[in-house]
């Protein structure tokens, strides 16, 4: 039997072009939550975080065959059908909106998945989508209003 190869504590260079390309993409899609999301994963497994940044976000999402909005809607559909990836679904619902999808499009994608995953998984996805929408709305209400000059103003 072959001996398992031991993985070094941190064999990856986070300043590499490969990693930076992935981080640029994940920030584009997830916005302000991107770095915190990767930090949480990295605290548990640096290797897992590296793969998460460099493979889907560094290699797949930047491809130009289909647009980013379509990729995110496909991701929403896939996570809905899986039925168990609700935290990731919430993340990608928000990413789909950041990439230009409307709330109606996200809702329609989840609704269509009833035919492929059944009502329980689609219902859970719909409830998770609502949580994502509510968090986005709550975050938008906390942001200070800006004046015509672009400066934050006080609400009266």
Protein backbone atom coordinates (compact mmCIF):
# COMPACT_ATOMS: atom_id res chain seq x y z
CA UNK A 1 0.00 0.00 0.00
CA UNK A 2 1.31 3.46 -0.91
CA UNK A 3 2.22 5.80 1.89
CA UNK A 4 -0.02 8.89 2.12
CA UNK A 5 1.67 12.17 1.28
CA UNK A 6 1.65 14.61 4.18
CA UNK A 7 0.40 18.11 3.33
CA UNK A 8 2.63 20.93 4.54
CA UNK A 9 1.14 23.33 7.08
CA UNK A 10 0.77 26.14 4.50
CA UNK A 11 2.14 25.06 1.12
CA UNK A 12 0.37 27.81 -0.80
CA UNK A 13 1.47 31.33 -1.55
CA UNK A 14 -1.49 33.65 -0.94
CA UNK A 15 0.33 36.42 -2.79
CA UNK A 16 0.44 34.30 -5.96
CA UNK A 17 -1.41 35.44 -9.09
CA UNK A 18 -3.55 32.29 -8.89
CA UNK A 19 -4.78 33.04 -5.38
CA UNK A 20 -5.20 36.77 -5.99
CA UNK A 21 -7.28 36.07 -9.13
CA UNK A 22 -9.58 33.89 -7.01
CA UNK A 23 -9.83 36.47 -4.23
CA UNK A 24 -10.60 39.24 -6.73
CA UNK A 25 -13.43 37.15 -8.14
CA UNK A 26 -14.85 36.10 -4.78
CA UNK A 27 -14.82 39.74 -3.64
CA UNK A 28 -16.62 40.74 -6.82
CA UNK A 29 -19.33 38.18 -6.19
CA UNK A 30 -19.67 38.21 -2.40
CA UNK A 31 -18.74 41.81 -1.74
CA UNK A 32 -17.82 42.82 1.80
CA UNK A 33 -18.45 39.33 3.21
CA UNK A 34 -15.83 37.63 0.98
CA UNK A 35 -12.79 38.02 3.20
CA UNK A 36 -14.64 37.01 6.37
CA UNK A 37 -16.06 33.96 4.58
CA UNK A 38 -12.60 32.78 3.50
CA UNK A 39 -11.11 33.54 6.95
CA UNK A 40 -13.73 31.27 8.58
CA UNK A 41 -12.90 28.43 6.21
CA UNK A 42 -9.15 29.01 6.54
CA UNK A 43 -9.38 28.81 10.35
CA UNK A 44 -10.75 25.29 9.97
CA UNK A 45 -8.65 24.16 7.00
CA UNK A 46 -6.14 26.32 5.12
CA UNK A 47 -6.03 23.71 2.34
CA UNK A 48 -9.80 23.79 1.89
CA UNK A 49 -9.75 27.61 1.79
CA UNK A 50 -6.99 27.56 -0.84
CA UNK A 51 -8.94 25.16 -3.07
CA UNK A 52 -12.15 27.16 -2.57
CA UNK A 53 -10.44 30.38 -3.66
CA UNK A 54 -8.31 29.06 -6.52
CA UNK A 55 -10.60 26.50 -8.15
CA UNK A 56 -14.20 27.72 -8.42
CA UNK A 57 -13.43 31.42 -8.01
CA UNK A 58 -10.02 31.49 -9.66
CA UNK A 59 -10.66 29.04 -12.49
CA UNK A 60 -14.38 28.49 -13.16
CA UNK A 61 -16.20 31.75 -12.47
CA UNK A 62 -13.85 33.99 -14.51
CA UNK A 63 -14.34 31.98 -17.72
CA UNK A 64 -16.07 34.03 -20.40
CA UNK A 65 -18.24 31.42 -22.12
CA UNK A 66 -21.28 32.41 -20.05
CA UNK A 67 -21.81 35.55 -18.02
CA UNK A 68 -21.43 35.70 -14.25
CA UNK A 69 -25.16 36.24 -13.63
CA UNK A 70 -25.93 32.98 -15.48
CA UNK A 71 -23.21 31.14 -13.56
CA UNK A 72 -24.67 32.32 -10.26
CA UNK A 73 -28.22 31.36 -11.27
CA UNK A 74 -26.90 27.89 -12.23
CA UNK A 75 -25.23 27.69 -8.83
CA UNK A 76 -28.51 28.64 -7.11
CA UNK A 77 -30.27 25.87 -9.08
CA UNK A 78 -27.62 23.27 -8.22
CA UNK A 79 -27.58 24.13 -4.53
CA UNK A 80 -31.39 24.08 -4.45
CA UNK A 81 -31.48 20.59 -5.96
CA UNK A 82 -28.85 19.32 -3.53
CA UNK A 83 -31.21 20.25 -0.74
CA UNK A 84 -28.60 20.23 2.02
CA UNK A 85 -26.33 23.14 1.11
CA UNK A 86 -28.47 25.91 2.57
CA UNK A 87 -25.67 28.11 3.98
CA UNK A 88 -23.95 28.03 0.58
CA UNK A 89 -27.29 28.68 -1.12
CA UNK A 90 -27.80 31.82 0.99
CA UNK A 91 -24.33 33.02 0.02
CA UNK A 92 -24.96 32.41 -3.70
CA UNK A 93 -28.43 34.01 -3.66
CA UNK A 94 -26.71 37.19 -2.49
CA UNK A 95 -23.96 36.70 -5.08
CA UNK A 96 -26.54 36.26 -7.86
CA UNK A 97 -28.10 39.59 -6.92
CA UNK A 98 -24.66 41.26 -6.84
CA UNK A 99 -24.02 39.86 -10.32
CA UNK A 100 -27.18 41.34 -11.82
CA UNK A 101 -29.92 38.79 -11.19
CA UNK A 102 -33.24 40.11 -9.98
CA UNK A 103 -35.07 38.76 -6.97
CA UNK A 104 -37.76 37.53 -9.35
CA UNK A 105 -35.19 35.57 -11.39
CA UNK A 106 -33.76 33.92 -8.28
CA UNK A 107 -37.26 33.05 -7.08
CA UNK A 108 -38.16 31.61 -10.49
CA UNK A 109 -35.02 29.45 -10.60
CA UNK A 110 -35.86 27.97 -7.20
CA UNK A 111 -39.50 27.48 -8.21
CA UNK A 112 -38.47 25.60 -11.36
CA UNK A 113 -36.32 23.26 -9.29
CA UNK A 114 -39.50 21.83 -7.68
CA UNK A 115 -39.65 19.53 -10.73
CA UNK A 116 -36.13 18.22 -10.08
CA UNK A 117 -35.76 18.08 -6.30
CA UNK A 118 -39.32 18.06 -4.96
CA UNK A 119 -41.25 20.38 -2.72
CA UNK A 120 -39.28 19.88 0.54
CA UNK A 121 -35.89 20.85 -0.92
CA UNK A 122 -37.38 23.70 -2.97
CA UNK A 123 -39.32 24.99 0.03
CA UNK A 124 -36.17 24.98 2.16
CA UNK A 125 -34.38 26.83 -0.65
CA UNK A 126 -37.19 29.38 -0.85
CA UNK A 127 -36.99 30.02 2.90
CA UNK A 128 -33.20 30.34 2.67
CA UNK A 129 -33.60 32.78 -0.22
CA UNK A 130 -35.93 34.86 1.96
CA UNK A 131 -33.30 34.92 4.73
CA UNK A 132 -30.74 36.21 2.21
CA UNK A 133 -33.15 38.89 0.97
CA UNK A 134 -33.95 39.94 4.56
CA UNK A 135 -30.25 40.21 5.46
CA UNK A 136 -29.58 42.31 2.35
CA UNK A 137 -32.53 44.59 3.19
CA UNK A 138 -31.44 44.95 6.81
CA UNK A 139 -27.89 45.77 5.73
CA UNK A 140 -29.14 48.38 3.27
CA UNK A 141 -31.18 50.08 6.02
CA UNK A 142 -28.07 50.36 8.23
CA UNK A 143 -26.02 52.17 5.58
CA UNK A 144 -25.96 55.96 5.99
CA UNK A 145 -27.75 57.96 3.32
CA UNK A 146 -25.42 59.94 1.07
CA UNK A 147 -25.91 63.51 -0.03
CA UNK A 148 -25.53 64.78 -3.60
CA UNK A 149 -21.89 65.51 -2.81
CA UNK A 150 -21.40 61.83 -2.04
CA UNK A 151 -20.84 62.41 1.68
CA UNK A 152 -22.72 60.54 4.34
CA UNK A 153 -25.46 62.69 5.75
CA UNK A 154 -27.50 62.54 8.88
CA UNK A 155 -31.11 61.49 8.81
CA UNK A 156 -33.60 63.90 10.31
